[in-house]
Amino acid sequence: MITMDDIIREGNPILRQVAKEVPLPASDEEKSTLKKMLEFLKNSQDEEVAKKLNLRAGIGLAAPQIALSKRMIALYLDDENDKHYEYMLFNPKIISHSVENTYLEGGEGCLSVDREVPGFVPRHARVKVKAFDIDGRPVTLRLKGYPAIAIQHEIDHLDGILFYDHINKQDPFKIPDNVMEKDTY
């Protein structure tokens, strides 16, 4: 079981490395790790379990955050319409995205960053992602809004990028260019 003790924090050089592709078919160990990553997210969102295990709530986790420099991510979240998203992905890659941007009004957070970093993080409003599921089958995801923001945050981890790298240094609350009218998420 993954706990907060397994999550590495900013300053660890693994978080700044470009993670390696997972050769497919994935090993049983890699599949097991991906399942544990999803289990962590589920546990972190269960108030009772999170309190007992001292977990911070998370909606996404990338393998580099548990000191494993491999292109693996897990997502577990609901969008603004209560649609549920649950993914365990190998080698996810954004293959296209919208010109329109979006951002979370409250900013972004990260399990690997133990401090508030104020500012807007510009993200593509819509993305198309190709990846492989836990069984090695190819999947194509078309995501918008909150799920699109979440998957971009996790894919950034695979490329050694942290969310605050995107914040405008001179004006952290500058509304990003090409922002479409958005619902609150």
N, C-alpha and C. Protein backbone atom coordinates (compact mmCIF):
# COMPACT_ATOMS: atom_id res chain seq x y z
N MET A 1 0.84 -1.19 0.00
CA MET A 1 0.00 0.00 0.00
C MET A 1 0.88 1.25 0.00
N ILE A 2 0.51 2.20 -0.83
CA ILE A 2 1.24 3.47 -0.91
C ILE A 2 0.68 4.42 0.14
N THR A 3 1.58 5.09 0.86
CA THR A 3 1.18 6.11 1.84
C THR A 3 1.94 7.40 1.51
N MET A 4 1.69 8.44 2.29
CA MET A 4 2.38 9.71 2.06
C MET A 4 3.89 9.55 2.23
N ASP A 5 4.32 8.57 3.02
CA ASP A 5 5.76 8.33 3.20
C ASP A 5 6.43 7.89 1.90
N ASP A 6 5.65 7.33 0.97
CA ASP A 6 6.19 6.85 -0.30
C ASP A 6 6.27 7.96 -1.34
N ILE A 7 5.61 9.08 -1.10
CA ILE A 7 5.56 10.16 -2.08
C ILE A 7 6.74 11.09 -1.87
N ILE A 8 7.55 11.22 -2.92
CA ILE A 8 8.72 12.10 -2.82
C ILE A 8 8.28 13.55 -3.00
N ARG A 9 9.06 14.45 -2.42
CA ARG A 9 8.69 15.86 -2.42
C ARG A 9 9.61 16.67 -3.33
N GLU A 10 9.13 17.89 -3.64
CA GLU A 10 9.92 18.77 -4.50
C GLU A 10 11.32 18.91 -3.94
N GLY A 11 12.28 18.99 -4.83
CA GLY A 11 13.68 19.00 -4.44
C GLY A 11 14.33 17.67 -4.77
N ASN A 12 13.52 16.60 -4.81
CA ASN A 12 14.06 15.29 -5.21
C ASN A 12 14.30 15.31 -6.72
N PRO A 13 15.52 14.98 -7.18
CA PRO A 13 15.83 15.10 -8.61
C PRO A 13 14.96 14.21 -9.52
N ILE A 14 14.38 13.14 -9.00
CA ILE A 14 13.54 12.27 -9.84
C ILE A 14 12.36 13.06 -10.40
N LEU A 15 11.85 14.03 -9.64
CA LEU A 15 10.70 14.82 -10.10
C LEU A 15 11.05 15.71 -11.29
N ARG A 16 12.32 15.91 -11.55
CA ARG A 16 12.73 16.76 -12.67
C ARG A 16 13.27 15.95 -13.86
N GLN A 17 13.20 14.63 -13.77
CA GLN A 17 13.66 13.77 -14.87
C GLN A 17 12.52 13.48 -15.84
N VAL A 18 12.88 13.23 -17.09
CA VAL A 18 11.91 12.74 -18.06
C VAL A 18 11.83 11.23 -17.84
N ALA A 19 10.63 10.76 -17.51
CA ALA A 19 10.44 9.34 -17.20
C ALA A 19 10.56 8.49 -18.46
N LYS A 20 10.97 7.24 -18.25
CA LYS A 20 11.16 6.32 -19.38
C LYS A 20 9.85 5.62 -19.73
N GLU A 21 9.69 5.33 -21.04
CA GLU A 21 8.51 4.58 -21.50
C GLU A 21 8.52 3.20 -20.85
N VAL A 22 7.33 2.68 -20.62
CA VAL A 22 7.19 1.33 -20.08
C VAL A 22 7.13 0.37 -21.26
N PRO A 23 8.08 -0.58 -21.36
CA PRO A 23 7.99 -1.56 -22.45
C PRO A 23 6.73 -2.41 -22.25
N LEU A 24 5.98 -2.56 -23.33
CA LEU A 24 4.75 -3.35 -23.24
C LEU A 24 4.95 -4.71 -23.88
N PRO A 25 4.34 -5.78 -23.36
CA PRO A 25 3.43 -5.74 -22.22
C PRO A 25 4.17 -5.40 -20.93
N ALA A 26 3.45 -4.68 -20.06
CA ALA A 26 4.01 -4.28 -18.78
C ALA A 26 4.24 -5.51 -17.90
N SER A 27 5.21 -5.42 -17.02
CA SER A 27 5.50 -6.53 -16.10
C SER A 27 4.39 -6.61 -15.04
N ASP A 28 4.30 -7.73 -14.38
CA ASP A 28 3.34 -7.89 -13.29
C ASP A 28 3.62 -6.87 -12.19
N GLU A 29 4.91 -6.59 -11.95
CA GLU A 29 5.28 -5.61 -10.93
C GLU A 29 4.79 -4.21 -11.30
N GLU A 30 4.93 -3.84 -12.59
CA GLU A 30 4.46 -2.52 -13.03
C GLU A 30 2.94 -2.42 -12.92
N LYS A 31 2.25 -3.49 -13.31
CA LYS A 31 0.78 -3.49 -13.19
C LYS A 31 0.36 -3.38 -11.72
N SER A 32 1.05 -4.10 -10.85
CA SER A 32 0.75 -4.06 -9.43
C SER A 32 0.97 -2.65 -8.88
N THR A 33 2.06 -2.01 -9.29
CA THR A 33 2.35 -0.64 -8.85
C THR A 33 1.25 0.31 -9.30
N LEU A 34 0.81 0.18 -10.54
CA LEU A 34 -0.24 1.06 -11.07
C LEU A 34 -1.54 0.86 -10.29
N LYS A 35 -1.86 -0.37 -9.95
CA LYS A 35 -3.06 -0.64 -9.13
C LYS A 35 -2.92 -0.01 -7.74
N LYS A 36 -1.72 -0.07 -7.17
CA LYS A 36 -1.49 0.55 -5.86
C LYS A 36 -1.61 2.08 -5.94
N MET A 37 -1.19 2.65 -7.07
CA MET A 37 -1.32 4.10 -7.26
C MET A 37 -2.80 4.50 -7.26
N LEU A 38 -3.62 3.74 -7.96
CA LEU A 38 -5.06 4.03 -7.97
C LEU A 38 -5.66 3.81 -6.58
N GLU A 39 -5.24 2.76 -5.92
CA GLU A 39 -5.73 2.48 -4.57
C GLU A 39 -5.41 3.65 -3.62
N PHE A 40 -4.20 4.21 -3.75
CA PHE A 40 -3.84 5.38 -2.94
C PHE A 40 -4.83 6.51 -3.16
N LEU A 41 -5.16 6.80 -4.43
CA LEU A 41 -6.08 7.90 -4.73
C LEU A 41 -7.45 7.64 -4.13
N LYS A 42 -7.94 6.42 -4.25
CA LYS A 42 -9.24 6.07 -3.66
C LYS A 42 -9.19 6.24 -2.14
N ASN A 43 -8.15 5.72 -1.51
CA ASN A 43 -8.00 5.85 -0.06
C ASN A 43 -7.91 7.31 0.36
N SER A 44 -7.19 8.11 -0.43
CA SER A 44 -6.97 9.51 -0.06
C SER A 44 -8.26 10.32 -0.12
N GLN A 45 -9.24 9.85 -0.90
CA GLN A 45 -10.51 10.56 -1.03
C GLN A 45 -11.58 10.02 -0.08
N ASP A 46 -11.26 8.95 0.63
CA ASP A 46 -12.17 8.38 1.62
C ASP A 46 -11.79 9.00 2.97
N GLU A 47 -12.64 9.89 3.49
CA GLU A 47 -12.28 10.66 4.69
C GLU A 47 -11.80 9.80 5.84
N GLU A 48 -12.52 8.71 6.08
CA GLU A 48 -12.18 7.85 7.21
C GLU A 48 -10.80 7.19 7.02
N VAL A 49 -10.59 6.62 5.85
CA VAL A 49 -9.32 5.94 5.55
C VAL A 49 -8.18 6.96 5.52
N ALA A 50 -8.42 8.11 4.88
CA ALA A 50 -7.39 9.15 4.77
C ALA A 50 -6.95 9.63 6.15
N LYS A 51 -7.91 9.79 7.05
CA LYS A 51 -7.57 10.26 8.40
C LYS A 51 -6.75 9.20 9.13
N LYS A 52 -7.18 7.95 9.00
CA LYS A 52 -6.50 6.84 9.69
C LYS A 52 -5.06 6.69 9.19
N LEU A 53 -4.87 6.82 7.86
CA LEU A 53 -3.55 6.61 7.27
C LEU A 53 -2.76 7.92 7.07
N ASN A 54 -3.37 9.05 7.49
CA ASN A 54 -2.73 10.36 7.34
C ASN A 54 -2.38 10.67 5.88
N LEU A 55 -3.39 10.55 4.99
CA LEU A 55 -3.19 10.79 3.56
C LEU A 55 -3.75 12.15 3.17
N ARG A 56 -3.03 12.85 2.31
CA ARG A 56 -3.58 14.06 1.69
C ARG A 56 -4.40 13.62 0.48
N ALA A 57 -5.53 14.27 0.28
CA ALA A 57 -6.40 13.91 -0.84
C ALA A 57 -5.73 14.24 -2.16
N GLY A 58 -5.86 13.31 -3.11
CA GLY A 58 -5.31 13.51 -4.44
C GLY A 58 -6.25 12.95 -5.49
N ILE A 59 -6.20 13.52 -6.69
CA ILE A 59 -7.02 13.02 -7.81
C ILE A 59 -6.15 12.35 -8.87
N GLY A 60 -4.84 12.54 -8.78
CA GLY A 60 -3.94 11.95 -9.75
C GLY A 60 -2.60 11.66 -9.12
N LEU A 61 -1.93 10.66 -9.67
CA LEU A 61 -0.60 10.28 -9.18
C LEU A 61 0.21 9.76 -10.35
N ALA A 62 1.44 10.25 -10.45
CA ALA A 62 2.36 9.79 -11.51
C ALA A 62 3.48 8.99 -10.85
N ALA A 63 3.97 7.98 -11.55
CA ALA A 63 5.01 7.10 -11.00
C ALA A 63 6.24 7.87 -10.48
N PRO A 64 6.70 8.96 -11.15
CA PRO A 64 7.84 9.67 -10.59
C PRO A 64 7.60 10.18 -9.16
N GLN A 65 6.35 10.39 -8.79
CA GLN A 65 6.04 10.87 -7.44
C GLN A 65 6.29 9.80 -6.38
N ILE A 66 6.40 8.55 -6.81
CA ILE A 66 6.75 7.48 -5.86
C ILE A 66 8.15 6.95 -6.19
N ALA A 67 8.98 7.87 -6.74
CA ALA A 67 10.39 7.61 -7.03
C ALA A 67 10.60 6.53 -8.08
N LEU A 68 9.65 6.41 -9.01
CA LEU A 68 9.74 5.45 -10.09
C LEU A 68 9.68 6.22 -11.41
N SER A 69 10.82 6.35 -12.07
CA SER A 69 10.89 7.17 -13.28
C SER A 69 10.38 6.39 -14.50
N LYS A 70 9.07 6.11 -14.49
CA LYS A 70 8.41 5.39 -15.58
C LYS A 70 7.13 6.13 -15.95
N ARG A 71 6.75 6.01 -17.22
CA ARG A 71 5.58 6.73 -17.73
C ARG A 71 4.30 5.98 -17.36
N MET A 72 3.88 6.17 -16.13
CA MET A 72 2.67 5.53 -15.59
C MET A 72 1.92 6.57 -14.76
N ILE A 73 0.60 6.65 -14.97
CA ILE A 73 -0.22 7.57 -14.16
C ILE A 73 -1.53 6.90 -13.78
N ALA A 74 -2.09 7.37 -12.67
CA ALA A 74 -3.43 6.97 -12.24
C ALA A 74 -4.23 8.24 -11.99
N LEU A 75 -5.51 8.20 -12.37
CA LEU A 75 -6.43 9.32 -12.12
C LEU A 75 -7.70 8.76 -11.51
N TYR A 76 -8.27 9.52 -10.57
CA TYR A 76 -9.51 9.12 -9.91
C TYR A 76 -10.23 10.39 -9.49
N LEU A 77 -11.24 10.80 -10.27
CA LEU A 77 -11.92 12.06 -10.00
C LEU A 77 -13.30 12.09 -10.61
N ASP A 78 -14.08 13.09 -10.18
CA ASP A 78 -15.38 13.37 -10.77
C ASP A 78 -15.29 14.76 -11.40
N ASP A 79 -15.97 14.94 -12.53
CA ASP A 79 -15.97 16.27 -13.16
C ASP A 79 -17.08 17.13 -12.57
N GLU A 80 -17.24 18.31 -13.12
CA GLU A 80 -18.23 19.26 -12.60
C GLU A 80 -19.67 18.76 -12.74
N ASN A 81 -19.90 17.74 -13.59
CA ASN A 81 -21.23 17.15 -13.76
C ASN A 81 -21.36 15.81 -13.02
N ASP A 82 -20.43 15.53 -12.12
CA ASP A 82 -20.40 14.29 -11.34
C ASP A 82 -20.16 13.04 -12.18
N LYS A 83 -19.60 13.22 -13.38
CA LYS A 83 -19.19 12.06 -14.18
C LYS A 83 -17.87 11.56 -13.58
N HIS A 84 -17.77 10.24 -13.40
CA HIS A 84 -16.59 9.67 -12.75
C HIS A 84 -15.53 9.27 -13.78
N TYR A 85 -14.28 9.54 -13.47
CA TYR A 85 -13.14 9.19 -14.31
C TYR A 85 -12.17 8.37 -13.47
N GLU A 86 -11.80 7.21 -13.97
CA GLU A 86 -10.88 6.33 -13.26
C GLU A 86 -9.96 5.69 -14.30
N TYR A 87 -8.69 6.04 -14.26
CA TYR A 87 -7.74 5.54 -15.26
C TYR A 87 -6.46 5.05 -14.61
N MET A 88 -5.92 3.97 -15.17
CA MET A 88 -4.57 3.50 -14.89
C MET A 88 -3.91 3.39 -16.26
N LEU A 89 -2.93 4.24 -16.52
CA LEU A 89 -2.39 4.36 -17.88
C LEU A 89 -0.87 4.19 -17.95
N PHE A 90 -0.46 3.49 -18.99
CA PHE A 90 0.95 3.39 -19.34
C PHE A 90 1.21 4.28 -20.55
N ASN A 91 2.33 4.97 -20.54
CA ASN A 91 2.82 5.76 -21.67
C ASN A 91 1.80 6.74 -22.25
N PRO A 92 1.11 7.52 -21.40
CA PRO A 92 0.14 8.49 -21.93
C PRO A 92 0.84 9.61 -22.67
N LYS A 93 0.20 10.06 -23.75
CA LYS A 93 0.80 11.11 -24.57
C LYS A 93 -0.33 11.98 -25.13
N ILE A 94 -0.18 13.29 -24.96
CA ILE A 94 -1.15 14.21 -25.55
C ILE A 94 -0.86 14.29 -27.04
N ILE A 95 -1.85 13.91 -27.86
CA ILE A 95 -1.62 13.92 -29.31
C ILE A 95 -2.26 15.13 -29.99
N SER A 96 -3.23 15.76 -29.32
CA SER A 96 -3.76 17.03 -29.82
C SER A 96 -4.44 17.76 -28.67
N HIS A 97 -4.60 19.06 -28.85
CA HIS A 97 -5.22 19.87 -27.80
C HIS A 97 -5.88 21.08 -28.42
N SER A 98 -6.77 21.69 -27.64
CA SER A 98 -7.48 22.88 -28.09
C SER A 98 -6.56 24.09 -28.08
N VAL A 99 -6.94 25.09 -28.86
CA VAL A 99 -6.26 26.39 -28.81
C VAL A 99 -6.70 27.10 -27.53
N GLU A 100 -7.96 26.88 -27.15
CA GLU A 100 -8.49 27.51 -25.94
C GLU A 100 -7.79 26.96 -24.70
N ASN A 101 -7.58 27.84 -23.75
CA ASN A 101 -6.98 27.46 -22.48
C ASN A 101 -7.99 27.57 -21.35
N THR A 102 -7.62 27.03 -20.23
CA THR A 102 -8.44 27.12 -19.03
C THR A 102 -7.49 27.10 -17.83
N TYR A 103 -8.06 27.21 -16.64
CA TYR A 103 -7.26 27.17 -15.41
C TYR A 103 -8.22 26.95 -14.25
N LEU A 104 -7.68 26.51 -13.14
CA LEU A 104 -8.48 26.37 -11.92
C LEU A 104 -8.40 27.69 -11.16
N GLU A 105 -9.54 28.25 -10.82
CA GLU A 105 -9.55 29.55 -10.13
C GLU A 105 -8.84 29.49 -8.79
N GLY A 106 -8.85 28.34 -8.14
CA GLY A 106 -8.16 28.21 -6.85
C GLY A 106 -6.72 27.78 -6.99
N GLY A 107 -6.22 27.70 -8.22
CA GLY A 107 -4.86 27.23 -8.46
C GLY A 107 -4.80 25.71 -8.38
N GLU A 108 -3.61 25.16 -8.53
CA GLU A 108 -3.40 23.72 -8.46
C GLU A 108 -2.56 23.38 -7.24
N GLY A 109 -2.67 22.13 -6.83
CA GLY A 109 -1.84 21.62 -5.75
C GLY A 109 -1.22 20.33 -6.21
N CYS A 110 -0.35 19.77 -5.40
CA CYS A 110 0.36 18.56 -5.78
C CYS A 110 0.77 17.81 -4.53
N LEU A 111 0.62 16.50 -4.57
CA LEU A 111 1.02 15.67 -3.43
C LEU A 111 2.51 15.77 -3.14
N SER A 112 3.31 16.15 -4.15
CA SER A 112 4.75 16.27 -3.98
C SER A 112 5.18 17.67 -3.56
N VAL A 113 4.22 18.58 -3.42
CA VAL A 113 4.53 19.97 -3.05
C VAL A 113 3.78 20.27 -1.75
N ASP A 114 4.53 20.42 -0.67
CA ASP A 114 3.94 20.61 0.66
C ASP A 114 3.71 22.07 1.03
N ARG A 115 3.46 22.89 0.04
CA ARG A 115 3.23 24.31 0.32
C ARG A 115 2.23 24.85 -0.69
N GLU A 116 1.60 25.94 -0.32
CA GLU A 116 0.70 26.62 -1.25
C GLU A 116 1.55 27.38 -2.26
N VAL A 117 1.20 27.26 -3.54
CA VAL A 117 1.87 28.06 -4.56
C VAL A 117 0.77 28.83 -5.29
N PRO A 118 0.56 30.09 -4.91
CA PRO A 118 -0.53 30.85 -5.50
C PRO A 118 -0.27 31.20 -6.96
N GLY A 119 -1.36 31.22 -7.73
CA GLY A 119 -1.27 31.61 -9.13
C GLY A 119 -2.09 30.70 -10.02
N PHE A 120 -2.40 31.23 -11.20
CA PHE A 120 -3.15 30.46 -12.19
C PHE A 120 -2.20 29.62 -13.03
N VAL A 121 -2.59 28.38 -13.28
CA VAL A 121 -1.80 27.45 -14.09
C VAL A 121 -2.53 27.27 -15.42
N PRO A 122 -2.03 27.89 -16.50
CA PRO A 122 -2.73 27.72 -17.77
C PRO A 122 -2.64 26.29 -18.28
N ARG A 123 -3.78 25.77 -18.73
CA ARG A 123 -3.87 24.41 -19.28
C ARG A 123 -4.73 24.46 -20.54
N HIS A 124 -4.55 23.47 -21.41
CA HIS A 124 -5.44 23.35 -22.57
C HIS A 124 -6.82 22.98 -22.07
N ALA A 125 -7.85 23.59 -22.64
CA ALA A 125 -9.23 23.31 -22.22
C ALA A 125 -9.66 21.90 -22.61
N ARG A 126 -9.14 21.40 -23.73
CA ARG A 126 -9.47 20.04 -24.20
C ARG A 126 -8.20 19.36 -24.68
N VAL A 127 -8.09 18.07 -24.39
CA VAL A 127 -6.94 17.30 -24.87
C VAL A 127 -7.41 15.93 -25.38
N LYS A 128 -6.62 15.43 -26.31
CA LYS A 128 -6.81 14.05 -26.79
C LYS A 128 -5.53 13.32 -26.41
N VAL A 129 -5.69 12.22 -25.68
CA VAL A 129 -4.55 11.48 -25.14
C VAL A 129 -4.59 10.04 -25.63
N LYS A 130 -3.45 9.56 -26.10
CA LYS A 130 -3.30 8.13 -26.42
C LYS A 130 -2.46 7.50 -25.33
N ALA A 131 -2.84 6.29 -24.94
CA ALA A 131 -2.13 5.58 -23.87
C ALA A 131 -2.45 4.10 -23.99
N PHE A 132 -1.99 3.34 -23.02
CA PHE A 132 -2.31 1.91 -22.92
C PHE A 132 -2.87 1.65 -21.54
N ASP A 133 -3.95 0.85 -21.49
CA ASP A 133 -4.55 0.54 -20.20
C ASP A 133 -3.73 -0.53 -19.49
N ILE A 134 -4.20 -0.94 -18.33
CA ILE A 134 -3.43 -1.88 -17.50
C ILE A 134 -3.23 -3.23 -18.19
N ASP A 135 -4.11 -3.56 -19.14
CA ASP A 135 -4.00 -4.81 -19.88
C ASP A 135 -3.23 -4.65 -21.19
N GLY A 136 -2.66 -3.46 -21.40
CA GLY A 136 -1.85 -3.23 -22.60
C GLY A 136 -2.65 -2.86 -23.83
N ARG A 137 -3.96 -2.66 -23.68
CA ARG A 137 -4.80 -2.27 -24.82
C ARG A 137 -4.66 -0.78 -25.07
N PRO A 138 -4.57 -0.38 -26.34
CA PRO A 138 -4.50 1.05 -26.65
C PRO A 138 -5.82 1.74 -26.32
N VAL A 139 -5.74 2.93 -25.76
CA VAL A 139 -6.93 3.72 -25.47
C VAL A 139 -6.70 5.15 -25.96
N THR A 140 -7.78 5.78 -26.40
CA THR A 140 -7.75 7.19 -26.78
C THR A 140 -8.78 7.89 -25.91
N LEU A 141 -8.34 8.91 -25.20
CA LEU A 141 -9.22 9.67 -24.32
C LEU A 141 -9.39 11.08 -24.87
N ARG A 142 -10.62 11.55 -24.86
CA ARG A 142 -10.91 12.95 -25.19
C ARG A 142 -11.47 13.57 -23.93
N LEU A 143 -10.71 14.48 -23.34
CA LEU A 143 -11.09 15.05 -22.05
C LEU A 143 -11.19 16.56 -22.16
N LYS A 144 -12.09 17.13 -21.35
CA LYS A 144 -12.21 18.59 -21.29
C LYS A 144 -12.41 19.01 -19.84
N GLY A 145 -12.15 20.28 -19.57
CA GLY A 145 -12.37 20.80 -18.23
C GLY A 145 -11.46 20.18 -17.18
N TYR A 146 -12.06 19.88 -16.03
CA TYR A 146 -11.30 19.37 -14.89
C TYR A 146 -10.50 18.11 -15.19
N PRO A 147 -11.09 17.08 -15.83
CA PRO A 147 -10.30 15.88 -16.16
C PRO A 147 -9.13 16.21 -17.11
N ALA A 148 -9.33 17.15 -18.03
CA ALA A 148 -8.25 17.54 -18.94
C ALA A 148 -7.12 18.21 -18.17
N ILE A 149 -7.47 19.06 -17.20
CA ILE A 149 -6.46 19.71 -16.37
C ILE A 149 -5.69 18.66 -15.58
N ALA A 150 -6.41 17.71 -14.99
CA ALA A 150 -5.78 16.68 -14.16
C ALA A 150 -4.80 15.83 -14.96
N ILE A 151 -5.20 15.40 -16.16
CA ILE A 151 -4.30 14.53 -16.93
C ILE A 151 -3.07 15.30 -17.41
N GLN A 152 -3.24 16.60 -17.73
CA GLN A 152 -2.08 17.41 -18.13
C GLN A 152 -1.10 17.56 -16.97
N HIS A 153 -1.63 17.73 -15.76
CA HIS A 153 -0.79 17.84 -14.56
C HIS A 153 0.04 16.57 -14.39
N GLU A 154 -0.60 15.39 -14.55
CA GLU A 154 0.11 14.12 -14.35
C GLU A 154 1.11 13.85 -15.48
N ILE A 155 0.74 14.15 -16.71
CA ILE A 155 1.67 13.95 -17.83
C ILE A 155 2.88 14.88 -17.68
N ASP A 156 2.65 16.08 -17.16
CA ASP A 156 3.78 16.98 -16.87
C ASP A 156 4.79 16.30 -15.94
N HIS A 157 4.29 15.59 -14.93
CA HIS A 157 5.20 14.87 -14.01
C HIS A 157 6.11 13.91 -14.77
N LEU A 158 5.58 13.30 -15.82
CA LEU A 158 6.37 12.34 -16.61
C LEU A 158 7.47 13.04 -17.40
N ASP A 159 7.31 14.36 -17.58
CA ASP A 159 8.29 15.14 -18.33
C ASP A 159 9.15 16.03 -17.42
N GLY A 160 9.07 15.79 -16.10
CA GLY A 160 9.90 16.54 -15.16
C GLY A 160 9.42 17.96 -14.91
N ILE A 161 8.13 18.21 -15.16
CA ILE A 161 7.55 19.55 -15.01
C ILE A 161 6.61 19.55 -13.80
N LEU A 162 6.74 20.56 -12.95
CA LEU A 162 5.82 20.74 -11.84
C LEU A 162 4.84 21.87 -12.17
N PHE A 163 3.65 21.80 -11.59
CA PHE A 163 2.58 22.74 -11.97
C PHE A 163 3.00 24.19 -11.88
N TYR A 164 3.80 24.54 -10.88
CA TYR A 164 4.14 25.95 -10.70
C TYR A 164 5.11 26.46 -11.76
N ASP A 165 5.69 25.56 -12.55
CA ASP A 165 6.55 26.00 -13.67
C ASP A 165 5.73 26.79 -14.69
N HIS A 166 4.41 26.55 -14.73
CA HIS A 166 3.53 27.22 -15.70
C HIS A 166 3.01 28.57 -15.22
N ILE A 167 3.15 28.86 -13.93
CA ILE A 167 2.60 30.11 -13.38
C ILE A 167 3.44 31.29 -13.85
N ASN A 168 2.77 32.35 -14.29
CA ASN A 168 3.43 33.56 -14.74
C ASN A 168 4.19 34.17 -13.56
N LYS A 169 5.51 34.24 -13.69
CA LYS A 169 6.36 34.70 -12.57
C LYS A 169 6.13 36.17 -12.23
N GLN A 170 5.89 37.03 -13.25
CA GLN A 170 5.70 38.46 -13.02
C GLN A 170 4.29 38.76 -12.49
N ASP A 171 3.30 37.97 -12.94
CA ASP A 171 1.91 38.24 -12.56
C ASP A 171 1.19 36.89 -12.38
N PRO A 172 1.35 36.27 -11.19
CA PRO A 172 0.81 34.92 -10.97
C PRO A 172 -0.69 34.79 -11.22
N PHE A 173 -1.44 35.89 -11.07
CA PHE A 173 -2.89 35.80 -11.26
C PHE A 173 -3.35 36.41 -12.59
N LYS A 174 -2.42 36.51 -13.53
CA LYS A 174 -2.78 36.97 -14.87
C LYS A 174 -3.62 35.86 -15.52
N ILE A 175 -4.76 36.25 -16.03
CA ILE A 175 -5.60 35.25 -16.70
C ILE A 175 -4.88 34.82 -17.98
N PRO A 176 -4.71 33.50 -18.17
CA PRO A 176 -3.98 33.02 -19.35
C PRO A 176 -4.63 33.47 -20.66
N ASP A 177 -3.83 33.55 -21.71
CA ASP A 177 -4.34 33.91 -23.04
C ASP A 177 -5.28 32.82 -23.53
N ASN A 178 -6.19 33.22 -24.44
CA ASN A 178 -7.12 32.30 -25.12
C ASN A 178 -7.98 31.50 -24.16
N VAL A 179 -8.37 32.11 -23.04
CA VAL A 179 -9.25 31.39 -22.11
C VAL A 179 -10.68 31.51 -22.61
N MET A 180 -11.33 30.35 -22.71
CA MET A 180 -12.73 30.35 -23.11
C MET A 180 -13.58 30.56 -21.87
N GLU A 181 -14.83 30.98 -22.07
CA GLU A 181 -15.74 31.08 -20.93
C GLU A 181 -15.83 29.69 -20.33
N LYS A 182 -15.77 29.60 -19.01
CA LYS A 182 -15.74 28.26 -18.43
C LYS A 182 -16.69 28.15 -17.25
N ASP A 183 -17.10 26.92 -17.04
CA ASP A 183 -17.86 26.63 -15.83
C ASP A 183 -16.85 26.60 -14.69
N THR A 184 -17.31 26.65 -13.49
CA THR A 184 -16.41 26.52 -12.34
C THR A 184 -16.15 25.05 -12.11
N TYR A 185 -14.87 24.70 -11.99
CA TYR A 185 -14.53 23.34 -11.60
C TYR A 185 -13.45 23.35 -10.56
